[in-house]
């Protein structure tokens, strides 16, 4: 189920984004970015609609995924 990012509080959204960008295996290519830069990049993807928040009802978890 897709959750519009605007429905989350700023604190909840920031926490979700931080969890996503610090997740082991997140690939940013050969460039090196700090946590704030990674979070800003993901936020821009959510704002532009290139990424969405997906809620898995069975697992009761949220994740940020590319819009397909």
PDB file of N, CA and C in Angstrom:
ATOM      1  N   UNK A   1       0.838  -1.156   0.000  1.00  0.00           N
ATOM      2  CA  UNK A   1       0.000   0.000   0.000  1.00  0.00           C
ATOM      3  C   UNK A   1       0.898   1.238   0.000  1.00  0.00           C
ATOM      4  N   UNK A   2       0.637   2.149  -0.917  1.00  0.00           N
ATOM      5  CA  UNK A   2       1.433   3.365  -1.009  1.00  0.00           C
ATOM      6  C   UNK A   2       0.919   4.406  -0.010  1.00  0.00           C
ATOM      7  N   UNK A   3       1.844   4.990   0.748  1.00  0.00           N
ATOM      8  CA  UNK A   3       1.516   6.012   1.736  1.00  0.00           C
ATOM      9  C   UNK A   3       2.078   7.349   1.246  1.00  0.00           C
ATOM     10  N   UNK A   4       1.242   8.361   1.031  1.00  0.00           N
ATOM     11  CA  UNK A   4       1.763   9.673   0.625  1.00  0.00           C
ATOM     12  C   UNK A   4       2.683  10.237   1.723  1.00  0.00           C
ATOM     13  N   UNK A   5       3.864  10.673   1.325  1.00  0.00           N
ATOM     14  CA  UNK A   5       4.834  11.155   2.314  1.00  0.00           C
ATOM     15  C   UNK A   5       4.300  12.349   3.096  1.00  0.00           C
ATOM     16  N   UNK A   6       3.392  13.113   2.505  1.00  0.00           N
ATOM     17  CA  UNK A   6       2.840  14.297   3.173  1.00  0.00           C
ATOM     18  C   UNK A   6       1.938  13.943   4.353  1.00  0.00           C
ATOM     19  N   UNK A   7       1.510  12.687   4.446  1.00  0.00           N
ATOM     20  CA  UNK A   7       0.669  12.269   5.567  1.00  0.00           C
ATOM     21  C   UNK A   7       1.489  11.985   6.826  1.00  0.00           C
ATOM     22  N   UNK A   8       2.796  11.833   6.677  1.00  0.00           N
ATOM     23  CA  UNK A   8       3.653  11.581   7.833  1.00  0.00           C
ATOM     24  C   UNK A   8       4.037  12.893   8.495  1.00  0.00           C
ATOM     25  N   UNK A   9       4.240  12.839   9.796  1.00  0.00           N
ATOM     26  CA  UNK A   9       4.776  14.008  10.478  1.00  0.00           C
ATOM     27  C   UNK A   9       6.210  14.212   9.998  1.00  0.00           C
ATOM     28  N   UNK A  10       6.725  15.397  10.167  1.00  0.00           N
ATOM     29  CA  UNK A  10       8.111  15.672   9.762  1.00  0.00           C
ATOM     30  C   UNK A  10       9.077  14.745  10.485  1.00  0.00           C
ATOM     31  N   UNK A  11       8.801  14.503  11.760  1.00  0.00           N
ATOM     32  CA  UNK A  11       9.664  13.625  12.554  1.00  0.00           C
ATOM     33  C   UNK A  11       9.621  12.193  12.036  1.00  0.00           C
ATOM     34  N   UNK A  12       8.438  11.691  11.720  1.00  0.00           N
ATOM     35  CA  UNK A  12       8.305  10.326  11.211  1.00  0.00           C
ATOM     36  C   UNK A  12       8.969  10.189   9.844  1.00  0.00           C
ATOM     37  N   UNK A  13       8.773  11.182   8.981  1.00  0.00           N
ATOM     38  CA  UNK A  13       9.388  11.146   7.654  1.00  0.00           C
ATOM     39  C   UNK A  13      10.904  11.177   7.762  1.00  0.00           C
ATOM     40  N   UNK A  14      11.423  12.058   8.604  1.00  0.00           N
ATOM     41  CA  UNK A  14      12.879  12.147   8.784  1.00  0.00           C
ATOM     42  C   UNK A  14      13.434  10.826   9.306  1.00  0.00           C
ATOM     43  N   UNK A  15      12.734  10.188  10.226  1.00  0.00           N
ATOM     44  CA  UNK A  15      13.179   8.906  10.757  1.00  0.00           C
ATOM     45  C   UNK A  15      13.173   7.813   9.711  1.00  0.00           C
ATOM     46  N   UNK A  16      12.125   7.792   8.890  1.00  0.00           N
ATOM     47  CA  UNK A  16      12.041   6.794   7.821  1.00  0.00           C
ATOM     48  C   UNK A  16      13.152   6.995   6.799  1.00  0.00           C
ATOM     49  N   UNK A  17      13.385   8.240   6.418  1.00  0.00           N
ATOM     50  CA  UNK A  17      14.449   8.541   5.459  1.00  0.00           C
ATOM     51  C   UNK A  17      15.809   8.166   6.048  1.00  0.00           C
ATOM     52  N   UNK A  18      16.052   8.510   7.302  1.00  0.00           N
ATOM     53  CA  UNK A  18      17.333   8.178   7.929  1.00  0.00           C
ATOM     54  C   UNK A  18      17.538   6.664   7.988  1.00  0.00           C
ATOM     55  N   UNK A  19      16.493   5.933   8.348  1.00  0.00           N
ATOM     56  CA  UNK A  19      16.602   4.474   8.383  1.00  0.00           C
ATOM     57  C   UNK A  19      16.931   3.940   6.997  1.00  0.00           C
ATOM     58  N   UNK A  20      16.313   4.498   5.987  1.00  0.00           N
ATOM     59  CA  UNK A  20      16.547   4.050   4.618  1.00  0.00           C
ATOM     60  C   UNK A  20      17.989   4.309   4.176  1.00  0.00           C
ATOM     61  N   UNK A  21      18.486   5.516   4.406  1.00  0.00           N
ATOM     62  CA  UNK A  21      19.826   5.850   3.899  1.00  0.00           C
ATOM     63  C   UNK A  21      20.945   5.207   4.715  1.00  0.00           C
ATOM     64  N   UNK A  22      20.645   4.760   5.921  1.00  0.00           N
ATOM     65  CA  UNK A  22      21.685   4.095   6.711  1.00  0.00           C
ATOM     66  C   UNK A  22      21.598   2.576   6.610  1.00  0.00           C
ATOM     67  N   UNK A  23      20.619   2.101   5.877  1.00  0.00           N
ATOM     68  CA  UNK A  23      20.442   0.657   5.691  1.00  0.00           C
ATOM     69  C   UNK A  23      21.645   0.092   4.944  1.00  0.00           C
ATOM     70  N   UNK A  24      22.167  -0.994   5.443  1.00  0.00           N
ATOM     71  CA  UNK A  24      23.310  -1.644   4.795  1.00  0.00           C
ATOM     72  C   UNK A  24      22.917  -2.072   3.388  1.00  0.00           C
ATOM     73  N   UNK A  25      23.784  -1.785   2.445  1.00  0.00           N
ATOM     74  CA  UNK A  25      23.534  -2.198   1.069  1.00  0.00           C
ATOM     75  C   UNK A  25      22.933  -1.117   0.197  1.00  0.00           C
ATOM     76  N   UNK A  26      22.598   0.035   0.764  1.00  0.00           N
ATOM     77  CA  UNK A  26      22.085   1.125  -0.062  1.00  0.00           C
ATOM     78  C   UNK A  26      23.215   1.592  -0.965  1.00  0.00           C
ATOM     79  N   UNK A  27      22.965   1.618  -2.261  1.00  0.00           N
ATOM     80  CA  UNK A  27      24.010   1.894  -3.248  1.00  0.00           C
ATOM     81  C   UNK A  27      23.907   3.313  -3.776  1.00  0.00           C
ATOM     82  N   UNK A  28      24.965   4.075  -3.620  1.00  0.00           N
ATOM     83  CA  UNK A  28      25.037   5.430  -4.156  1.00  0.00           C
ATOM     84  C   UNK A  28      26.143   5.549  -5.200  1.00  0.00           C
ATOM     85  N   UNK A  29      26.550   4.423  -5.748  1.00  0.00           N
ATOM     86  CA  UNK A  29      27.571   4.439  -6.786  1.00  0.00           C
ATOM     87  C   UNK A  29      28.944   4.691  -6.208  1.00  0.00           C
ATOM     88  N   UNK A  30      29.796   5.320  -7.016  1.00  0.00           N
ATOM     89  CA  UNK A  30      31.178   5.555  -6.609  1.00  0.00           C
ATOM     90  C   UNK A  30      31.349   6.844  -5.817  1.00  0.00           C
ATOM     91  N   UNK A  31      30.298   7.633  -5.700  1.00  0.00           N
ATOM     92  CA  UNK A  31      30.383   8.904  -4.986  1.00  0.00           C
ATOM     93  C   UNK A  31      30.234   8.685  -3.487  1.00  0.00           C
ATOM     94  N   UNK A  32      30.806   9.612  -2.747  1.00  0.00           N
ATOM     95  CA  UNK A  32      30.706   9.563  -1.297  1.00  0.00           C
ATOM     96  C   UNK A  32      29.840  10.723  -0.830  1.00  0.00           C
ATOM     97  N   UNK A  33      28.770  10.409  -0.106  1.00  0.00           N
ATOM     98  CA  UNK A  33      27.854  11.422   0.393  1.00  0.00           C
ATOM     99  C   UNK A  33      27.712  11.259   1.898  1.00  0.00           C
ATOM    100  N   UNK A  34      27.503  12.376   2.610  1.00  0.00           N
ATOM    101  CA  UNK A  34      27.256  12.271   4.042  1.00  0.00           C
ATOM    102  C   UNK A  34      25.760  12.016   4.269  1.00  0.00           C
ATOM    103  N   UNK A  35      25.392  11.746   5.502  1.00  0.00           N
ATOM    104  CA  UNK A  35      24.020  11.387   5.841  1.00  0.00           C
ATOM    105  C   UNK A  35      23.020  12.466   5.419  1.00  0.00           C
ATOM    106  N   UNK A  36      23.345  13.723   5.659  1.00  0.00           N
ATOM    107  CA  UNK A  36      22.434  14.811   5.293  1.00  0.00           C
ATOM    108  C   UNK A  36      22.226  14.889   3.785  1.00  0.00           C
ATOM    109  N   UNK A  37      23.279  14.688   3.026  1.00  0.00           N
ATOM    110  CA  UNK A  37      23.163  14.723   1.566  1.00  0.00           C
ATOM    111  C   UNK A  37      22.306  13.564   1.056  1.00  0.00           C
ATOM    112  N   UNK A  38      22.515  12.384   1.624  1.00  0.00           N
ATOM    113  CA  UNK A  38      21.719  11.224   1.229  1.00  0.00           C
ATOM    114  C   UNK A  38      20.243  11.444   1.561  1.00  0.00           C
ATOM    115  N   UNK A  39      19.979  11.956   2.758  1.00  0.00           N
ATOM    116  CA  UNK A  39      18.600  12.198   3.183  1.00  0.00           C
ATOM    117  C   UNK A  39      17.930  13.238   2.281  1.00  0.00           C
ATOM    118  N   UNK A  40      18.656  14.285   1.927  1.00  0.00           N
ATOM    119  CA  UNK A  40      18.106  15.326   1.047  1.00  0.00           C
ATOM    120  C   UNK A  40      17.787  14.750  -0.329  1.00  0.00           C
ATOM    121  N   UNK A  41      18.635  13.880  -0.822  1.00  0.00           N
ATOM    122  CA  UNK A  41      18.423  13.250  -2.123  1.00  0.00           C
ATOM    123  C   UNK A  41      17.153  12.396  -2.105  1.00  0.00           C
ATOM    124  N   UNK A  42      16.969  11.604  -1.056  1.00  0.00           N
ATOM    125  CA  UNK A  42      15.781  10.753  -0.944  1.00  0.00           C
ATOM    126  C   UNK A  42      14.530  11.614  -0.794  1.00  0.00           C
ATOM    127  N   UNK A  43      14.620  12.664  -0.002  1.00  0.00           N
ATOM    128  CA  UNK A  43      13.474  13.569   0.171  1.00  0.00           C
ATOM    129  C   UNK A  43      13.068  14.178  -1.173  1.00  0.00           C
ATOM    130  N   UNK A  44      14.038  14.592  -1.974  1.00  0.00           N
ATOM    131  CA  UNK A  44      13.722  15.153  -3.297  1.00  0.00           C
ATOM    132  C   UNK A  44      13.044  14.113  -4.185  1.00  0.00           C
ATOM    133  N   UNK A  45      13.479  12.862  -4.073  1.00  0.00           N
ATOM    134  CA  UNK A  45      12.840  11.799  -4.854  1.00  0.00           C
ATOM    135  C   UNK A  45      11.385  11.602  -4.427  1.00  0.00           C
ATOM    136  N   UNK A  46      11.123  11.666  -3.134  1.00  0.00           N
ATOM    137  CA  UNK A  46       9.745  11.555  -2.656  1.00  0.00           C
ATOM    138  C   UNK A  46       8.912  12.744  -3.127  1.00  0.00           C
ATOM    139  N   UNK A  47       9.463  13.935  -3.013  1.00  0.00           N
ATOM    140  CA  UNK A  47       8.746  15.147  -3.407  1.00  0.00           C
ATOM    141  C   UNK A  47       8.448  15.190  -4.900  1.00  0.00           C
ATOM    142  N   UNK A  48       9.341  14.650  -5.703  1.00  0.00           N
ATOM    143  CA  UNK A  48       9.151  14.664  -7.153  1.00  0.00           C
ATOM    144  C   UNK A  48       8.300  13.496  -7.646  1.00  0.00           C
ATOM    145  N   UNK A  49       8.033  12.533  -6.766  1.00  0.00           N
ATOM    146  CA  UNK A  49       7.244  11.373  -7.165  1.00  0.00           C
ATOM    147  C   UNK A  49       8.053  10.242  -7.770  1.00  0.00           C
ATOM    148  N   UNK A  50       9.386  10.377  -7.767  1.00  0.00           N
ATOM    149  CA  UNK A  50      10.241   9.302  -8.299  1.00  0.00           C
ATOM    150  C   UNK A  50      10.383   8.149  -7.322  1.00  0.00           C
ATOM    151  N   UNK A  51      10.049   8.392  -6.059  1.00  0.00           N
ATOM    152  CA  UNK A  51      10.068   7.359  -5.026  1.00  0.00           C
ATOM    153  C   UNK A  51       8.793   7.500  -4.201  1.00  0.00           C
ATOM    154  N   UNK A  52       8.382   6.399  -3.588  1.00  0.00           N
ATOM    155  CA  UNK A  52       7.179   6.400  -2.758  1.00  0.00           C
ATOM    156  C   UNK A  52       7.447   5.613  -1.480  1.00  0.00           C
ATOM    157  N   UNK A  53       6.574   5.815  -0.508  1.00  0.00           N
ATOM    158  CA  UNK A  53       6.638   5.042   0.726  1.00  0.00           C
ATOM    159  C   UNK A  53       5.668   3.880   0.568  1.00  0.00           C
ATOM    160  N   UNK A  54       6.193   2.683   0.734  1.00  0.00           N
ATOM    161  CA  UNK A  54       5.394   1.473   0.580  1.00  0.00           C
ATOM    162  C   UNK A  54       5.214   0.837   1.948  1.00  0.00           C
ATOM    163  N   UNK A  55       3.954   0.589   2.316  1.00  0.00           N
ATOM    164  CA  UNK A  55       3.649  -0.091   3.573  1.00  0.00           C
ATOM    165  C   UNK A  55       3.270  -1.531   3.268  1.00  0.00           C
ATOM    166  N   UNK A  56       3.963  -2.460   3.885  1.00  0.00           N
ATOM    167  CA  UNK A  56       3.687  -3.883   3.729  1.00  0.00           C
ATOM    168  C   UNK A  56       2.799  -4.314   4.902  1.00  0.00           C
ATOM    169  N   UNK A  57       1.521  -4.561   4.624  1.00  0.00           N
ATOM    170  CA  UNK A  57       0.572  -4.914   5.677  1.00  0.00           C
ATOM    171  C   UNK A  57       0.931  -6.231   6.360  1.00  0.00           C
ATOM    172  N   UNK A  58       1.407  -7.204   5.608  1.00  0.00           N
ATOM    173  CA  UNK A  58       1.750  -8.506   6.185  1.00  0.00           C
ATOM    174  C   UNK A  58       2.912  -8.395   7.167  1.00  0.00           C
ATOM    175  N   UNK A  59       3.925  -7.607   6.787  1.00  0.00           N
ATOM    176  CA  UNK A  59       5.119  -7.445   7.628  1.00  0.00           C
ATOM    177  C   UNK A  59       4.993  -6.271   8.594  1.00  0.00           C
ATOM    178  N   UNK A  60       4.008  -5.402   8.342  1.00  0.00           N
ATOM    179  CA  UNK A  60       3.808  -4.179   9.136  1.00  0.00           C
ATOM    180  C   UNK A  60       5.077  -3.315   9.137  1.00  0.00           C
ATOM    181  N   UNK A  61       5.640  -3.130   7.931  1.00  0.00           N
ATOM    182  CA  UNK A  61       6.847  -2.322   7.769  1.00  0.00           C
ATOM    183  C   UNK A  61       6.659  -1.330   6.628  1.00  0.00           C
ATOM    184  N   UNK A  62       7.436  -0.272   6.679  1.00  0.00           N
ATOM    185  CA  UNK A  62       7.465   0.728   5.613  1.00  0.00           C
ATOM    186  C   UNK A  62       8.830   0.742   4.978  1.00  0.00           C
ATOM    187  N   UNK A  63       8.845   1.064   3.698  1.00  0.00           N
ATOM    188  CA  UNK A  63      10.115   1.216   3.003  1.00  0.00           C
ATOM    189  C   UNK A  63       9.939   2.269   1.909  1.00  0.00           C
ATOM    190  N   UNK A  64      11.028   2.841   1.500  1.00  0.00           N
ATOM    191  CA  UNK A  64      11.030   3.790   0.404  1.00  0.00           C
ATOM    192  C   UNK A  64      11.481   3.030  -0.837  1.00  0.00           C
ATOM    193  N   UNK A  65      10.671   3.103  -1.875  1.00  0.00           N
ATOM    194  CA  UNK A  65      10.951   2.341  -3.095  1.00  0.00           C
ATOM    195  C   UNK A  65      10.793   3.242  -4.314  1.00  0.00           C
ATOM    196  N   UNK A  66      11.479   2.903  -5.414  1.00  0.00           N
ATOM    197  CA  UNK A  66      11.286   3.668  -6.653  1.00  0.00           C
ATOM    198  C   UNK A  66       9.852   3.537  -7.140  1.00  0.00           C
ATOM    199  N   UNK A  67       9.316   4.605  -7.687  1.00  0.00           N
ATOM    200  CA  UNK A  67       7.969   4.570  -8.273  1.00  0.00           C
ATOM    201  C   UNK A  67       8.061   3.767  -9.559  1.00  0.00           C
ATOM    202  N   UNK A  68       7.184   2.813  -9.707  1.00  0.00           N
ATOM    203  CA  UNK A  68       7.224   1.967 -10.911  1.00  0.00           C
ATOM    204  C   UNK A  68       6.099   2.308 -11.830  1.00  0.00           C
TER     205      UNK A  68
END
